[in-house]
Amino acid sequence: MTGRRSAAEIRAGLDHPVIDADGHWVEFAPLVLDELERIGGSIAAEGFDRTATRVTEALEMTIEERNHRRVAEQCWWGYPTVNARDRATSLMPALLSERLGEFGFDFAVMFPTHGLGSVRLVDAEMRQATCRAFNTFMAEYFGDYSDRLTPAAVIPMHTPSEAIAELEHARLELGLKAVVMSSLMPRPIAAYLDEPGRGARTMATWPDTLGIDSAHDYDEVWAACAELGVSPTFHMGSRGYGFRVSPTNFTYNHIGHFAQASEAVCKSLFLAGVTARFPQVKFGFLEGGVAWAANLYADLIGHWEKRNAEAMEATNPANIDWPAMTELADRYGHPKVAAAIRERRGLDYSEGSASNGHLVELDDFAACNISEASDIRDLFVESFYFGCEADDRLNPLAYQSDAHPFGARFKTLFGSDIGHFDVVDMAEVLGEAHELVDEQLVTADDFRDFVYTNPVRFWGEANPAFFEGTAVEDAAYALLGSAAPA
């Protein structure tokens, strides 16, 4: 954009640090494969290779082959190439650390690229070996730059025990502080496995969202997060699901896919009562923006008002006023309608428990322990953080409290997404983010929350030592109201 202020100019005018809550580094495959083989053996290297080749395998198919198999077009030409310095920066932590000040950033939490796929490997032994070796490699690879950069450990969530084992290894043995968890794990649909000939069907799985109707009770994972000082983040997309399976158009598949995946998990955790039982654990949903969250929040309130246990009595078929209905039908109804109503037929949905799908608990919000609608604000707003990119023009929605029920103000996390195709010049990201202030769409205080206050609270309240030894240590402890550990 012509006239955009430089990162250096913007940073010089701020009285607070800038924390990138979602930067990306790109794995240099020859190095990573060798290192994972050294750390975890051939199974770990093979696992990483599978995550890195998933995209290329789809791209190697002809359009006809993708159409035949209904395989989604993947991201092609996914990394900027004209700016060699930026391309190298995404590969090399030493260069990234050196250039961070050039971008106007003081500290960055770095998420992998292909490594995010390691948590989705189907084979359990390979998945666990790959995640373990990859996390060990990241701890070593970024270790010399911990004052400016910290990598996010990948945590597989196929079972609670698997998740806890890698959480404990990442935190207690490797000293990694940030984590990114898998979600939407494909679970087999029992009917397709039981019925001959149906097990091979493409859609013979359902995505596990970790809360409502999950295959496992993940409460012990959230308890482990609280004990270990971990704030879970999710960076799962939904390309290849539902309506995002175009074999020819990546943009069609890409738009909204982070938001849809985030909404599924966020809604599931909320309705399962996770935020009510674990208010100390904060959950971050990255790269999908905040617009979907504002919509979900309002919809949860609207649904609670109409479908809480007490409100549902207004639609309970047992409460039909048959005498009144009979009188009205006799006066205004078709003779067949009047006859059926006199016999008390036609208005009930079905007989007995089938009228509600055989539910035992009729309150969809029972796990949340909500007594009034405003409780939803506290259970939602206090527990969830939302990663927003610099170029998202809907970021101001987070701060427009007058537009949201009960004056909600959503907690956003600044995510640069450096390293990927949508950042063609790393040095322009901060300027792009600050344009909303320059155009008076958000205030300086809003921006401060976006790039400083919210990231510090998200990680620092869970783990007071998160920023110890970093370039933002003093500012973080000042915000958290505590002294740096001796």
Foldseek 3Di string as FASTA:
>chain_A
DPPQDFLLVVLVPDPAAFEAEEAEAEEPLVVLLVQLCVQQNNLLSVLLVVLVCPLVVLVPDDLVVCVVVLAANADDPKFFDPPVLLLVLSHAVVSVLVCCVLLNHQAYEYEYDSLLCLLQDPDPVSSLSNLLSVLLVQLVRCVVRLQHYAYAREARPPDLVSRLVSVCCNCVVSVHQAYEYEFQHWDAAVVQVPDPPRRPDPPRTGGALQAPPHPYPNLVVLVSCLVSLYAYEYQDFQQVDDQNRNSPDNVSNPPQRLVVSVLSNLVRCQLRQVCVVRVLHAYERADRACPSVLVSLQVVLVCCVCQAPVNCVVVPPVPDPLVVVLVCCVVDNDPVVNVQSVVPDDPQPDDDCVSQPNDPDRGSNVSNPDDHSCVSLSSRQSRYEYEYFLQDPCNLVQQPLVVGPPSHHHQYEYHHHRRTDVPNDSRCRVSSNCVCCVVVSDHPVSVCRHGPVRVLCNRCSSPVCSNPSHSNNVVSCVSVVHDHDD
